[in-house]
C-alpha atoms as a PDB file:
ATOM      1  CA  MET A   1       7.084  -5.416 -27.460  1.00  0.00           C
ATOM      2  CA  ASN A   2       9.880  -5.485 -24.653  1.00  0.00           C
ATOM      3  CA  PHE A   3       9.350  -5.745 -21.236  1.00  0.00           C
ATOM      4  CA  ARG A   4      10.042  -2.144 -20.351  1.00  0.00           C
ATOM      5  CA  LEU A   5       7.266  -0.759 -22.723  1.00  0.00           C
ATOM      6  CA  ILE A   6       4.420  -3.251 -21.882  1.00  0.00           C
ATOM      7  CA  LEU A   7       5.152  -1.995 -17.723  1.00  0.00           C
ATOM      8  CA  ILE A   8       5.112   1.787 -19.161  1.00  0.00           C
ATOM      9  CA  PHE A   9       1.901   1.306 -21.178  1.00  0.00           C
ATOM     10  CA  VAL A  10       0.258  -0.255 -18.655  1.00  0.00           C
ATOM     11  CA  ALA A  11       1.029   2.327 -16.180  1.00  0.00           C
ATOM     12  CA  LEU A  12      -0.127   4.746 -18.919  1.00  0.00           C
ATOM     13  CA  LEU A  13      -3.774   2.826 -19.022  1.00  0.00           C
ATOM     14  CA  ALA A  14      -3.919   3.374 -15.580  1.00  0.00           C
ATOM     15  CA  GLN A  15      -3.418   7.235 -15.737  1.00  0.00           C
ATOM     16  CA  LEU A  16      -5.834   7.594 -18.409  1.00  0.00           C
ATOM     17  CA  THR A  17      -8.602   5.617 -16.484  1.00  0.00           C
ATOM     18  CA  ASN A  18      -7.846   7.612 -13.510  1.00  0.00           C
ATOM     19  CA  THR A  19      -7.951  10.833 -15.346  1.00  0.00           C
ATOM     20  CA  GLY A  20     -11.536   9.417 -16.890  1.00  0.00           C
ATOM     21  CA  ALA A  21     -10.508   8.571 -20.416  1.00  0.00           C
ATOM     22  CA  ALA A  22     -11.093   4.910 -19.948  1.00  0.00           C
ATOM     23  CA  LEU A  23      -9.901   3.549 -23.129  1.00  0.00           C
ATOM     24  CA  ALA A  24     -12.583   0.727 -23.076  1.00  0.00           C
ATOM     25  CA  GLU A  25     -15.096   3.160 -22.946  1.00  0.00           C
ATOM     26  CA  GLN A  26     -13.637   5.324 -26.008  1.00  0.00           C
ATOM     27  CA  SER A  27     -15.072   4.275 -29.710  1.00  0.00           C
ATOM     28  CA  ASN A  28     -13.332   7.942 -30.905  1.00  0.00           C
ATOM     29  CA  PHE A  29      -9.719   8.260 -30.517  1.00  0.00           C
ATOM     30  CA  ALA A  30      -9.236  11.058 -32.791  1.00  0.00           C
ATOM     31  CA  ASN A  31      -9.319  13.370 -30.019  1.00  0.00           C
ATOM     32  CA  LEU A  32      -7.392  11.837 -27.534  1.00  0.00           C
ATOM     33  CA  LYS A  33      -4.231  13.295 -26.497  1.00  0.00           C
ATOM     34  CA  PRO A  34      -0.946  11.699 -24.914  1.00  0.00           C
ATOM     35  CA  THR A  35      -0.644  12.181 -21.315  1.00  0.00           C
ATOM     36  CA  PRO A  36       2.906  13.710 -20.030  1.00  0.00           C
ATOM     37  CA  GLU A  37       3.938  10.390 -19.195  1.00  0.00           C
ATOM     38  CA  MET A  38       3.575   9.416 -23.028  1.00  0.00           C
ATOM     39  CA  VAL A  39       5.712  12.367 -24.011  1.00  0.00           C
ATOM     40  CA  LEU A  40       8.352  11.160 -21.272  1.00  0.00           C
ATOM     41  CA  GLU A  41       7.954   7.759 -22.983  1.00  0.00           C
ATOM     42  CA  ALA A  42       8.476   9.076 -26.589  1.00  0.00           C
ATOM     43  CA  LYS A  43      11.589  11.160 -25.255  1.00  0.00           C
ATOM     44  CA  LYS A  44      13.337   7.554 -24.505  1.00  0.00           C
ATOM     45  CA  ASN A  45      12.109   6.241 -27.855  1.00  0.00           C
ATOM     46  CA  PRO A  46      13.099   8.370 -30.517  1.00  0.00           C
ATOM     47  CA  ASN A  47      11.880   7.050 -33.998  1.00  0.00           C
ATOM     48  CA  GLY A  48       9.512   4.689 -32.494  1.00  0.00           C
ATOM     49  CA  TRP A  49       5.645   4.600 -31.463  1.00  0.00           C
ATOM     50  CA  VAL A  50       3.966   5.269 -27.966  1.00  0.00           C
ATOM     51  CA  TYR A  51       1.199   2.919 -27.938  1.00  0.00           C
ATOM     52  CA  VAL A  52      -2.191   3.043 -25.988  1.00  0.00           C
ATOM     53  CA  ILE A  53      -3.240  -0.118 -24.281  1.00  0.00           C
ATOM     54  CA  ALA A  54      -6.487  -1.020 -22.714  1.00  0.00           C
ATOM     55  CA  GLY A  55      -6.461  -4.529 -20.237  1.00  0.00           C
ATOM     56  CA  ASN A  56      -4.292  -5.600 -17.043  1.00  0.00           C
ATOM     57  CA  TYR A  57      -1.348  -6.845 -18.772  1.00  0.00           C
ATOM     58  CA  GLY A  58       1.590  -7.204 -16.793  1.00  0.00           C
ATOM     59  CA  PRO A  59       4.853  -7.082 -17.560  1.00  0.00           C
ATOM     60  CA  ASN A  60       5.846 -10.217 -18.585  1.00  0.00           C
ATOM     61  CA  ASP A  61       2.303 -10.784 -20.502  1.00  0.00           C
ATOM     62  CA  ALA A  62       1.710 -11.279 -24.139  1.00  0.00           C
ATOM     63  CA  VAL A  63      -0.843  -8.121 -25.419  1.00  0.00           C
ATOM     64  CA  PRO A  64      -3.177  -9.224 -27.641  1.00  0.00           C
ATOM     65  CA  PRO A  65      -3.661  -6.724 -31.028  1.00  0.00           C
ATOM     66  CA  GLU A  66      -7.071  -6.054 -29.612  1.00  0.00           C
ATOM     67  CA  ALA A  67      -5.828  -4.722 -26.553  1.00  0.00           C
ATOM     68  CA  ILE A  68      -4.173  -2.528 -28.600  1.00  0.00           C
ATOM     69  CA  ALA A  69      -6.145   0.805 -29.163  1.00  0.00           C
ATOM     70  CA  GLY A  70      -3.529   2.336 -31.626  1.00  0.00           C
ATOM     71  CA  ALA A  71      -0.092   4.518 -31.074  1.00  0.00           C
ATOM     72  CA  TRP A  72       1.586   7.610 -32.318  1.00  0.00           C
ATOM     73  CA  LYS A  73       4.487   7.759 -34.437  1.00  0.00           C
ATOM     74  CA  VAL A  74       8.092   9.162 -32.137  1.00  0.00           C
ATOM     75  CA  ASP A  75      10.205  11.451 -34.341  1.00  0.00           C
ATOM     76  CA  SER A  76      13.966  11.246 -34.431  1.00  0.00           C
ATOM     77  CA  SER A  77      14.195  13.829 -31.553  1.00  0.00           C
ATOM     78  CA  GLY A  78      11.587  11.856 -29.490  1.00  0.00           C
ATOM     79  CA  THR A  79       8.422  14.128 -30.099  1.00  0.00           C
ATOM     80  CA  ILE A  80       5.298  12.643 -30.094  1.00  0.00           C
ATOM     81  CA  VAL A  81       4.442  13.583 -33.981  1.00  0.00           C
ATOM     82  CA  ALA A  82       1.172  15.553 -34.032  1.00  0.00           C
ATOM     83  CA  GLY A  83      -1.704  14.127 -35.461  1.00  0.00           C
ATOM     84  CA  SER A  84      -0.048  10.757 -36.629  1.00  0.00           C
ATOM     85  CA  PHE A  85      -2.332   8.699 -34.188  1.00  0.00           C
ATOM     86  CA  GLN A  86      -2.753   5.377 -35.897  1.00  0.00           C
ATOM     87  CA  ALA A  87      -6.075   3.476 -34.265  1.00  0.00           C
ATOM     88  CA  ASN A  88      -5.847  -0.301 -34.273  1.00  0.00           C
ATOM     89  CA  PRO A  89      -8.567  -1.758 -36.277  1.00  0.00           C
ATOM     90  CA  LYS A  90      -8.377  -5.025 -34.131  1.00  0.00           C
ATOM     91  CA  TYR A  91      -8.985  -3.128 -30.871  1.00  0.00           C
ATOM     92  CA  LYS A  92     -12.208  -4.493 -29.130  1.00  0.00           C
ATOM     93  CA  PRO A  93     -13.397  -2.116 -26.742  1.00  0.00           C
ATOM     94  CA  ASN A  94     -14.131  -3.506 -23.023  1.00  0.00           C
ATOM     95  CA  HIS A  95     -11.331  -5.876 -24.022  1.00  0.00           C
ATOM     96  CA  ASP A  96      -9.557  -7.367 -20.570  1.00  0.00           C
ATOM     97  CA  LYS A  97      -7.114  -9.963 -19.665  1.00  0.00           C
END
């Protein structure tokens, strides 16, 4: 994961927390929807993934697998693929740096 993406994911986590969707307390990600910031990030990363990361990780920090809640697939036009969220089986709720 590159420096820029880690920084964006940390900012996205803050946005989710501020809107009441604290990932650390969620156990079912089936209904999780991308935020507007995630949609914008997808546009910058066609054919990639937009990750949901829980915890307080800085731009130079390694993110452990248990802090990654999951990811959405991004198509070639930079659009998040509907229904593509893949939960991370190694994710641990309430994991924090």
